[in-house]
C-alpha atoms as a PDB file:
ATOM      1  CA  MET A   1       0.000   0.000   0.000  1.00  0.00           C
ATOM      2  CA  ARG A   2       1.323   3.403  -1.006  1.00  0.00           C
ATOM      3  CA  LYS A   3       1.308   6.211   1.437  1.00  0.00           C
ATOM      4  CA  LYS A   4      -0.002   9.553   0.294  1.00  0.00           C
ATOM      5  CA  PHE A   5       2.064  12.639   0.888  1.00  0.00           C
ATOM      6  CA  ARG A   6      -0.082  15.367   2.317  1.00  0.00           C
ATOM      7  CA  ASN A   7      -0.724  18.710   0.406  1.00  0.00           C
ATOM      8  CA  HIS A   8       1.015  17.683  -2.839  1.00  0.00           C
ATOM      9  CA  LEU A   9      -1.217  16.998  -5.792  1.00  0.00           C
ATOM     10  CA  LYS A  10      -0.820  15.764  -9.339  1.00  0.00           C
ATOM     11  CA  ARG A  11      -3.111  14.926 -12.200  1.00  0.00           C
ATOM     12  CA  GLY A  12      -4.217  11.333 -12.118  1.00  0.00           C
ATOM     13  CA  GLU A  13      -6.663   9.189 -14.033  1.00  0.00           C
ATOM     14  CA  ASN A  14      -9.650  10.938 -15.604  1.00  0.00           C
ATOM     15  CA  ASN A  15      -7.753  14.211 -15.193  1.00  0.00           C
ATOM     16  CA  LYS A  16      -8.594  14.392 -11.468  1.00  0.00           C
ATOM     17  CA  TRP A  17      -6.237  15.718  -8.851  1.00  0.00           C
ATOM     18  CA  VAL A  18      -4.672  13.043  -6.611  1.00  0.00           C
ATOM     19  CA  TYR A  19      -1.995  13.151  -3.925  1.00  0.00           C
ATOM     20  CA  LEU A  20       1.627  12.462  -4.854  1.00  0.00           C
ATOM     21  CA  THR A  21       3.137   9.451  -3.183  1.00  0.00           C
ATOM     22  CA  ILE A  22       6.388   9.580  -1.191  1.00  0.00           C
ATOM     23  CA  GLU A  23       8.139   7.601  -3.914  1.00  0.00           C
ATOM     24  CA  GLU A  24       7.192  10.181  -6.564  1.00  0.00           C
ATOM     25  CA  MET A  25       8.402  13.217  -4.586  1.00  0.00           C
ATOM     26  CA  PRO A  26      12.169  13.047  -5.314  1.00  0.00           C
ATOM     27  CA  SER A  27      11.664  12.969  -9.082  1.00  0.00           C
ATOM     28  CA  VAL A  28       9.217  15.898  -8.940  1.00  0.00           C
ATOM     29  CA  ILE A  29      11.533  17.914  -6.690  1.00  0.00           C
ATOM     30  CA  SER A  30      14.541  17.277  -8.944  1.00  0.00           C
ATOM     31  CA  LYS A  31      12.545  18.421 -11.998  1.00  0.00           C
ATOM     32  CA  VAL A  32      11.507  21.622 -10.231  1.00  0.00           C
ATOM     33  CA  ILE A  33      15.081  22.367  -9.139  1.00  0.00           C
ATOM     34  CA  ALA A  34      16.403  21.690 -12.644  1.00  0.00           C
ATOM     35  CA  TRP A  35      13.773  23.969 -14.157  1.00  0.00           C
ATOM     36  CA  LYS A  36      14.460  26.808 -11.713  1.00  0.00           C
ATOM     37  CA  SER A  37      18.251  26.598 -12.056  1.00  0.00           C
ATOM     38  CA  ARG A  38      18.374  26.443 -15.848  1.00  0.00           C
ATOM     39  CA  LYS A  39      20.470  29.064 -17.616  1.00  0.00           C
ATOM     40  CA  PHE A  40      19.128  31.067 -20.462  1.00  0.00           C
ATOM     41  CA  ASP A  41      21.137  31.437 -23.647  1.00  0.00           C
ATOM     42  CA  GLU A  42      22.010  35.137 -23.874  1.00  0.00           C
ATOM     43  CA  SER A  43      22.652  34.886 -27.609  1.00  0.00           C
ATOM     44  CA  ILE A  44      18.914  34.502 -28.171  1.00  0.00           C
ATOM     45  CA  VAL A  45      17.549  37.989 -28.739  1.00  0.00           C
ATOM     46  CA  VAL A  46      13.881  38.748 -28.647  1.00  0.00           C
ATOM     47  CA  GLY A  47      12.639  41.505 -30.964  1.00  0.00           C
ATOM     48  CA  PHE A  48      12.899  42.579 -34.581  1.00  0.00           C
ATOM     49  CA  SER A  49      15.922  42.431 -36.805  1.00  0.00           C
ATOM     50  CA  TRP A  50      17.167  45.412 -38.794  1.00  0.00           C
ATOM     51  CA  HIS A  51      15.906  43.821 -42.018  1.00  0.00           C
ATOM     52  CA  GLU A  52      12.438  43.291 -40.627  1.00  0.00           C
ATOM     53  CA  LEU A  53      12.268  46.933 -39.532  1.00  0.00           C
ATOM     54  CA  MET A  54      13.412  48.139 -42.963  1.00  0.00           C
ATOM     55  CA  ILE A  55      10.813  45.974 -44.701  1.00  0.00           C
ATOM     56  CA  LEU A  56       8.140  47.381 -42.402  1.00  0.00           C
ATOM     57  CA  LEU A  57       9.337  50.920 -43.145  1.00  0.00           C
ATOM     58  CA  VAL A  58       9.145  50.304 -46.901  1.00  0.00           C
ATOM     59  CA  ILE A  59       5.620  48.921 -46.581  1.00  0.00           C
ATOM     60  CA  VAL A  60       4.513  51.946 -44.546  1.00  0.00           C
ATOM     61  CA  MET A  61       6.084  54.304 -47.092  1.00  0.00           C
ATOM     62  CA  LEU A  62       4.353  52.572 -50.000  1.00  0.00           C
ATOM     63  CA  LEU A  63       0.999  52.713 -48.247  1.00  0.00           C
ATOM     64  CA  SER A  64       1.452  56.384 -47.412  1.00  0.00           C
ATOM     65  CA  MET A  65       2.402  57.167 -51.030  1.00  0.00           C
ATOM     66  CA  VAL A  66      -1.044  55.964 -52.027  1.00  0.00           C
ATOM     67  CA  ALA A  67      -3.088  56.969 -49.004  1.00  0.00           C
ATOM     68  CA  ILE A  68      -1.977  60.589 -48.544  1.00  0.00           C
ATOM     69  CA  PRO A  69      -2.825  61.804 -52.091  1.00  0.00           C
ATOM     70  CA  VAL A  70      -6.157  59.981 -51.989  1.00  0.00           C
ATOM     71  CA  TYR A  71      -6.912  61.617 -48.649  1.00  0.00           C
ATOM     72  CA  ARG A  72      -6.022  65.082 -49.996  1.00  0.00           C
ATOM     73  CA  ILE A  73      -8.299  64.625 -53.000  1.00  0.00           C
ATOM     74  CA  SER A  74     -11.071  63.511 -50.678  1.00  0.00           C
ATOM     75  CA  VAL A  75     -10.615  66.607 -48.499  1.00  0.00           C
ATOM     76  CA  LEU A  76     -10.687  68.893 -51.556  1.00  0.00           C
ATOM     77  CA  LYS A  77     -13.900  67.273 -52.789  1.00  0.00           C
ATOM     78  CA  ASP A  78     -15.437  67.594 -49.341  1.00  0.00           C
ATOM     79  CA  ASN A  79     -14.504  71.283 -49.182  1.00  0.00           C
ATOM     80  CA  ARG A  80     -16.310  71.895 -52.502  1.00  0.00           C
ATOM     81  CA  GLU A  81     -19.535  71.634 -50.558  1.00  0.00           C
ATOM     82  CA  ASP A  82     -18.563  74.837 -48.752  1.00  0.00           C
ATOM     83  CA  GLY A  83     -18.453  76.724 -52.070  1.00  0.00           C
ATOM     84  CA  VAL A  84     -21.605  75.117 -53.412  1.00  0.00           C
ATOM     85  CA  SER A  85     -23.616  75.880 -50.285  1.00  0.00           C
ATOM     86  CA  ALA A  86     -22.287  79.471 -50.267  1.00  0.00           C
ATOM     87  CA  LEU A  87     -23.403  79.923 -53.881  1.00  0.00           C
ATOM     88  CA  ILE A  88     -26.865  78.549 -53.107  1.00  0.00           C
ATOM     89  CA  ASN A  89     -27.111  80.841 -50.082  1.00  0.00           C
ATOM     90  CA  ALA A  90     -26.031  83.864 -52.172  1.00  0.00           C
ATOM     91  CA  ALA A  91     -28.522  82.925 -54.922  1.00  0.00           C
ATOM     92  CA  THR A  92     -31.314  82.792 -52.347  1.00  0.00           C
ATOM     93  CA  ARG A  93     -30.327  86.224 -51.075  1.00  0.00           C
ATOM     94  CA  MET A  94     -30.113  87.534 -54.647  1.00  0.00           C
ATOM     95  CA  GLU A  95     -33.645  86.341 -55.411  1.00  0.00           C
ATOM     96  CA  GLN A  96     -34.890  87.977 -52.202  1.00  0.00           C
ATOM     97  CA  PHE A  97     -33.162  91.215 -53.259  1.00  0.00           C
ATOM     98  CA  TYR A  98     -34.889  90.961 -56.666  1.00  0.00           C
ATOM     99  CA  LEU A  99     -38.282  90.527 -54.980  1.00  0.00           C
ATOM    100  CA  ASP A 100     -37.628  93.613 -52.857  1.00  0.00           C
ATOM    101  CA  SER A 101     -36.063  95.855 -55.556  1.00  0.00           C
ATOM    102  CA  ASN A 102     -37.239  94.426 -58.908  1.00  0.00           C
ATOM    103  CA  THR A 103     -33.584  94.224 -59.997  1.00  0.00           C
ATOM    104  CA  TYR A 104     -30.467  92.259 -59.153  1.00  0.00           C
ATOM    105  CA  THR A 105     -27.336  93.859 -57.675  1.00  0.00           C
ATOM    106  CA  LEU A 106     -23.629  93.838 -58.511  1.00  0.00           C
ATOM    107  CA  ASN A 107     -22.663  94.634 -54.919  1.00  0.00           C
ATOM    108  CA  ILE A 108     -22.671  91.558 -52.705  1.00  0.00           C
ATOM    109  CA  THR A 109     -22.820  93.690 -49.564  1.00  0.00           C
ATOM    110  CA  ASP A 110     -26.378  94.632 -50.623  1.00  0.00           C
ATOM    111  CA  LEU A 111     -27.247  90.987 -49.930  1.00  0.00           C
ATOM    112  CA  GLY A 112     -26.229  91.246 -46.286  1.00  0.00           C
ATOM    113  CA  TYR A 113     -22.612  90.087 -46.528  1.00  0.00           C
ATOM    114  CA  ALA A 114     -19.982  92.023 -44.577  1.00  0.00           C
ATOM    115  CA  ALA A 115     -17.458  92.430 -47.405  1.00  0.00           C
ATOM    116  CA  ASP A 116     -17.084  92.156 -51.166  1.00  0.00           C
ATOM    117  CA  PRO A 117     -16.094  89.424 -51.968  1.00  0.00           C
ATOM    118  CA  ALA A 118     -17.970  87.489 -49.337  1.00  0.00           C
ATOM    119  CA  THR A 119     -16.332  84.548 -47.570  1.00  0.00           C
ATOM    120  CA  SER A 120     -17.953  81.129 -47.370  1.00  0.00           C
ATOM    121  CA  ILE A 121     -18.768  79.647 -43.966  1.00  0.00           C
ATOM    122  CA  ASP A 122     -15.607  77.517 -43.728  1.00  0.00           C
ATOM    123  CA  ALA A 123     -13.523  80.186 -45.548  1.00  0.00           C
ATOM    124  CA  HIS A 124     -12.536  77.897 -48.431  1.00  0.00           C
ATOM    125  CA  TYR A 125     -14.181  80.144 -51.069  1.00  0.00           C
ATOM    126  CA  GLU A 126     -14.787  83.801 -51.835  1.00  0.00           C
ATOM    127  CA  ILE A 127     -18.204  84.562 -53.287  1.00  0.00           C
ATOM    128  CA  SER A 128     -18.634  87.392 -55.773  1.00  0.00           C
ATOM    129  CA  ILE A 129     -21.096  88.644 -58.392  1.00  0.00           C
ATOM    130  CA  LEU A 130     -19.691  88.787 -61.912  1.00  0.00           C
ATOM    131  CA  SER A 131     -20.210  91.932 -63.974  1.00  0.00           C
ATOM    132  CA  SER A 132     -23.272  92.157 -66.150  1.00  0.00           C
ATOM    133  CA  THR A 133     -22.978  91.592 -69.891  1.00  0.00           C
ATOM    134  CA  LYS A 134     -25.032  92.444 -72.961  1.00  0.00           C
ATOM    135  CA  ASN A 135     -26.555  88.944 -72.867  1.00  0.00           C
ATOM    136  CA  CYS A 136     -27.085  89.103 -69.116  1.00  0.00           C
ATOM    137  CA  PRO A 137     -28.000  92.597 -67.883  1.00  0.00           C
ATOM    138  CA  ILE A 138     -28.091  92.964 -64.119  1.00  0.00           C
ATOM    139  CA  SER A 139     -31.735  93.983 -64.228  1.00  0.00           C
ATOM    140  CA  THR A 140     -32.792  90.518 -65.390  1.00  0.00           C
ATOM    141  CA  CYS A 141     -30.036  88.025 -64.559  1.00  0.00           C
ATOM    142  CA  TYR A 142     -26.909  87.434 -62.528  1.00  0.00           C
ATOM    143  CA  VAL A 143     -23.879  85.152 -62.360  1.00  0.00           C
ATOM    144  CA  LEU A 144     -22.434  84.208 -58.958  1.00  0.00           C
ATOM    145  CA  GLN A 145     -18.911  82.885 -58.652  1.00  0.00           C
ATOM    146  CA  ALA A 146     -17.139  80.974 -55.872  1.00  0.00           C
ATOM    147  CA  ARG A 147     -13.355  81.219 -56.190  1.00  0.00           C
ATOM    148  CA  ALA A 148     -11.202  78.904 -54.070  1.00  0.00           C
ATOM    149  CA  VAL A 149      -8.782  80.431 -51.567  1.00  0.00           C
ATOM    150  CA  SER A 150      -5.825  79.064 -49.592  1.00  0.00           C
ATOM    151  CA  ALA A 151      -5.308  75.281 -49.792  1.00  0.00           C
ATOM    152  CA  GLN A 152      -8.548  74.786 -51.733  1.00  0.00           C
ATOM    153  CA  GLN A 153      -6.864  76.380 -54.785  1.00  0.00           C
ATOM    154  CA  GLN A 154      -5.301  72.966 -55.431  1.00  0.00           C
ATOM    155  CA  ASP A 155      -8.754  71.830 -56.562  1.00  0.00           C
ATOM    156  CA  THR A 156      -8.236  72.870 -60.185  1.00  0.00           C
ATOM    157  CA  ASP A 157     -11.293  70.954 -61.416  1.00  0.00           C
ATOM    158  CA  CYS A 158     -13.667  73.219 -59.514  1.00  0.00           C
ATOM    159  CA  ASN A 159     -12.068  76.626 -59.430  1.00  0.00           C
ATOM    160  CA  PRO A 160     -14.146  78.698 -59.961  1.00  0.00           C
ATOM    161  CA  ILE A 161     -17.653  77.362 -59.405  1.00  0.00           C
ATOM    162  CA  THR A 162     -20.474  79.408 -60.925  1.00  0.00           C
ATOM    163  CA  LEU A 163     -24.250  79.618 -60.650  1.00  0.00           C
ATOM    164  CA  ASN A 164     -26.488  81.894 -62.700  1.00  0.00           C
ATOM    165  CA  SER A 165     -30.051  83.111 -62.351  1.00  0.00           C
ATOM    166  CA  SER A 166     -31.303  80.458 -64.777  1.00  0.00           C
ATOM    167  CA  GLY A 167     -29.961  77.743 -62.500  1.00  0.00           C
ATOM    168  CA  VAL A 168     -27.049  76.803 -64.760  1.00  0.00           C
ATOM    169  CA  LYS A 169     -24.268  75.330 -62.637  1.00  0.00           C
ATOM    170  CA  ALA A 170     -20.712  75.072 -63.855  1.00  0.00           C
ATOM    171  CA  PRO A 171     -18.583  73.007 -63.880  1.00  0.00           C
ATOM    172  CA  SER A 172     -21.096  70.196 -63.625  1.00  0.00           C
ATOM    173  CA  ILE A 173     -18.715  67.773 -61.835  1.00  0.00           C
ATOM    174  CA  CYS A 174     -18.627  70.114 -58.838  1.00  0.00           C
ATOM    175  CA  TRP A 175     -22.328  70.012 -58.146  1.00  0.00           C
END
């Protein structure tokens, strides 16, 4: 009959915990001592090699070469909405001025803006009224223009954006 050694357990049959016997203790103790006293090889280095870091850097650079220009184009397209909404707002004010005065105006300050040219809400565009022509006298029609300022000037596809009293919007890709 085997004697059980108190307070020392091991996994037995059916994966249940059972007590270690006295005969099993020396082998378990020697394994624990060997494990605790083992020496680690200092030549094994944990981390990344120089080559791995350079490959990662190249991958990041390639991704940024694609992502940054796409992001800039997206920002420029998003900022177009500032010019478009400013033109629509100015056209609404121009129609209200026509209802009040039975004529359109060449002075944008008459529409309630603080300065000529007016600045859009996010300050990406300057809004102005183009001079009247023989085909478009100021008494019967107008042409509003939103010209990009600062960084938005890089948006060459939509600089300037125009809207006239007939509702013609140019260039069409900007609307």
